Amino acid sequence: MTDRQPQATPATSAAISPEQAAFLHRQRSGRLATVDPHGQPHVVPICYALVDGILYTPIDEKPKSGDPRELRRIRNILANPHVCLVVDHYEDEDWSQLAWLQVRGLATLVEAPDERARALAALRARYRQYQTMALEGLPLLRITPARLVAWNWATTPGTAPAGG
């Protein structure tokens, strides 16, 4: 048996297509998956904003247990920056409208004041709830896409809506 060490991904990024950007803008939330040092997954729902091909998500003022800087997702990202964000569209009555986008990439804490200001402005423009939250002193995550995987029912060969 061999020891497996996490491998760093080269500093490349995947370009989000105009169609994928439009899909991300239409959806209101996603699920962010991180992995702890023991390989255990951790998934949380998030709000996000897309700015120049980069996704941003804040640790906001919603009630949390403990210091926001000690949240499991932050600890996990500091130990292993590889993340996966899934954003989906679900319609219970019309499965022909189902779609999802998986964004695999690297997450980091945003420290640069100019980048933080741009990202927080985009988040506040997207979510009115953030307009009254003091996000400036809280952690902000940047997700740089490395690989994108998209699926939708309408463009998948050999599929037809149930009953169709």
Protein backbone atom coordinates (compact mmCIF):
# COMPACT_ATOMS: atom_id res chain seq x y z
CA MET A 1 0.00 0.00 0.00
CA THR A 2 1.31 3.47 -0.87
CA ASP A 3 0.75 6.77 0.89
CA ARG A 4 -1.24 9.19 -1.22
CA GLN A 5 -0.51 12.86 -0.77
CA PRO A 6 -2.89 15.53 -2.07
CA GLN A 7 -1.66 16.91 -5.36
CA ALA A 8 -1.89 20.59 -6.09
CA THR A 9 -3.73 21.53 -9.25
CA PRO A 10 -1.79 23.72 -11.67
CA ALA A 11 -2.77 27.37 -11.57
CA THR A 12 -5.07 27.09 -14.57
CA SER A 13 -8.63 28.21 -14.74
CA ALA A 14 -11.58 27.19 -16.86
CA ALA A 15 -13.46 29.91 -18.67
CA ILE A 16 -17.15 30.12 -17.87
CA SER A 17 -19.09 30.32 -21.14
CA PRO A 18 -21.74 33.01 -21.68
CA GLU A 19 -24.44 30.30 -21.38
CA GLN A 20 -22.98 29.05 -18.10
CA ALA A 21 -22.69 32.60 -16.77
CA ALA A 22 -26.35 33.23 -17.64
CA PHE A 23 -27.34 30.01 -15.86
CA LEU A 24 -25.37 31.04 -12.75
CA HIS A 25 -27.01 34.48 -12.79
CA ARG A 26 -30.52 32.96 -13.03
CA GLN A 27 -30.04 30.67 -10.01
CA ARG A 28 -30.01 32.05 -6.47
CA SER A 29 -27.97 29.48 -4.53
CA GLY A 30 -25.61 26.57 -4.83
CA ARG A 31 -24.05 23.84 -2.71
CA LEU A 32 -20.36 24.11 -1.86
CA ALA A 33 -18.48 20.90 -1.12
CA THR A 34 -15.18 20.87 0.74
CA VAL A 35 -13.14 17.99 2.12
CA ASP A 36 -11.61 17.83 5.59
CA PRO A 37 -8.05 16.57 6.30
CA HIS A 38 -9.44 13.05 6.86
CA GLY A 39 -11.14 12.96 3.45
CA GLN A 40 -14.65 13.51 4.80
CA PRO A 41 -16.89 15.66 2.58
CA HIS A 42 -18.74 18.66 3.92
CA VAL A 43 -21.48 20.39 1.88
CA VAL A 44 -23.24 23.67 2.67
CA PRO A 45 -25.72 25.82 0.74
CA ILE A 46 -24.28 29.17 -0.30
CA CYS A 47 -25.12 32.44 -1.99
CA TYR A 48 -22.65 33.60 -4.61
CA ALA A 49 -21.82 36.25 -7.17
CA LEU A 50 -19.95 35.83 -10.45
CA VAL A 51 -17.45 38.62 -11.16
CA ASP A 52 -15.13 38.42 -14.18
CA GLY A 53 -15.28 34.62 -14.29
CA ILE A 54 -14.60 34.17 -10.57
CA LEU A 55 -17.23 33.13 -8.01
CA TYR A 56 -17.40 34.78 -4.60
CA THR A 57 -19.27 33.67 -1.51
CA PRO A 58 -19.26 35.43 1.85
CA ILE A 59 -19.46 34.10 5.34
CA ASP A 60 -22.40 36.29 6.25
CA GLU A 61 -24.21 37.34 9.43
CA LYS A 62 -26.78 34.54 9.43
CA PRO A 63 -26.63 32.74 12.80
CA LYS A 64 -23.64 30.41 13.09
CA SER A 65 -22.26 28.39 15.95
CA GLY A 66 -18.97 30.01 16.93
CA ASP A 67 -16.48 32.30 15.23
CA PRO A 68 -17.15 32.58 11.46
CA ARG A 69 -13.40 32.24 10.81
CA GLU A 70 -13.51 28.80 12.47
CA LEU A 71 -16.33 27.35 10.37
CA ARG A 72 -15.66 23.89 9.00
CA ARG A 73 -15.70 25.08 5.37
CA ILE A 74 -12.99 27.67 6.15
CA ARG A 75 -10.84 25.14 8.02
CA ASN A 76 -11.30 22.62 5.21
CA ILE A 77 -10.34 25.13 2.51
CA LEU A 78 -7.25 26.22 4.43
CA ALA A 79 -6.18 22.56 4.62
CA ASN A 80 -7.29 21.60 1.08
CA PRO A 81 -8.39 24.36 -1.32
CA HIS A 82 -10.02 21.98 -3.84
CA VAL A 83 -13.79 22.55 -3.85
CA CYS A 84 -16.84 21.71 -5.91
CA LEU A 85 -19.81 24.04 -6.29
CA VAL A 86 -23.04 22.63 -7.73
CA VAL A 87 -25.74 25.02 -8.92
CA ASP A 88 -28.93 23.46 -10.21
CA HIS A 89 -32.34 24.25 -11.60
CA TYR A 90 -35.15 21.95 -10.53
CA GLU A 91 -38.78 22.00 -11.55
CA ASP A 92 -40.91 19.38 -9.84
CA GLU A 93 -43.61 19.36 -12.52
CA ASP A 94 -41.44 19.60 -15.64
CA TRP A 95 -38.28 17.56 -15.58
CA SER A 96 -37.46 18.60 -19.12
CA GLN A 97 -36.25 21.85 -17.49
CA LEU A 98 -33.74 20.13 -15.16
CA ALA A 99 -30.17 21.44 -15.37
CA TRP A 100 -27.04 21.75 -13.28
CA LEU A 101 -23.54 23.17 -13.44
CA GLN A 102 -20.66 21.78 -11.44
CA VAL A 103 -17.75 24.15 -10.84
CA ARG A 104 -14.62 22.40 -9.65
CA GLY A 105 -11.85 24.70 -8.59
CA LEU A 106 -9.68 26.21 -5.92
CA ALA A 107 -11.03 28.30 -3.07
CA THR A 108 -9.07 30.92 -1.18
CA LEU A 109 -9.81 33.66 1.31
CA VAL A 110 -9.92 37.10 -0.29
CA GLU A 111 -7.71 39.61 1.50
CA ALA A 112 -7.04 42.31 -1.14
CA PRO A 113 -9.22 45.36 -0.32
CA ASP A 114 -10.04 46.22 -3.97
CA GLU A 115 -11.08 42.66 -4.81
CA ARG A 116 -13.14 42.42 -1.61
CA ALA A 117 -14.91 45.70 -2.43
CA ARG A 118 -15.80 44.55 -5.99
CA ALA A 119 -17.03 41.15 -4.79
CA LEU A 120 -19.08 42.56 -1.90
CA ALA A 121 -20.66 45.15 -4.22
CA ALA A 122 -21.70 42.35 -6.59
CA LEU A 123 -23.07 40.26 -3.72
CA ARG A 124 -25.05 43.22 -2.36
CA ALA A 125 -26.45 43.97 -5.82
CA ARG A 126 -27.56 40.33 -6.14
CA TYR A 127 -28.95 39.77 -2.62
CA ARG A 128 -30.75 42.65 -0.93
CA GLN A 129 -30.28 40.93 2.46
CA TYR A 130 -26.54 41.65 2.20
CA GLN A 131 -27.14 45.39 1.87
CA THR A 132 -27.59 45.69 5.64
CA MET A 133 -24.97 43.15 6.72
CA ALA A 134 -21.48 44.17 7.84
CA LEU A 135 -19.64 41.78 5.51
CA GLU A 136 -16.41 43.80 5.39
CA GLY A 137 -15.04 42.20 8.57
CA LEU A 138 -16.10 38.64 7.73
CA PRO A 139 -14.36 36.01 5.61
CA LEU A 140 -14.96 36.11 1.86
CA LEU A 141 -14.16 33.15 -0.38
CA ARG A 142 -12.98 33.22 -4.00
CA ILE A 143 -13.65 30.14 -6.13
CA THR A 144 -11.49 30.02 -9.23
CA PRO A 145 -12.98 27.52 -11.70
CA ALA A 146 -10.60 24.82 -12.93
CA ARG A 147 -13.15 22.50 -14.54
CA LEU A 148 -16.80 22.96 -15.46
CA VAL A 149 -19.30 20.15 -15.98
CA ALA A 150 -22.78 21.06 -17.22
CA TRP A 151 -25.88 18.98 -17.81
CA ASN A 152 -29.41 19.71 -18.86
CA TRP A 153 -32.23 17.45 -19.90
CA ALA A 154 -32.99 19.33 -23.10
CA THR A 155 -29.56 18.75 -24.66
CA THR A 156 -28.90 15.23 -23.43
CA PRO A 157 -29.23 12.72 -26.31
CA GLY A 158 -31.79 9.96 -25.84
CA THR A 159 -33.81 11.65 -23.10
CA ALA A 160 -37.44 12.58 -23.15
CA PRO A 161 -39.66 13.91 -20.38
CA ALA A 162 -41.49 11.26 -18.40
CA GLY A 163 -44.70 10.36 -20.16
CA GLY A 164 -43.40 11.86 -23.43
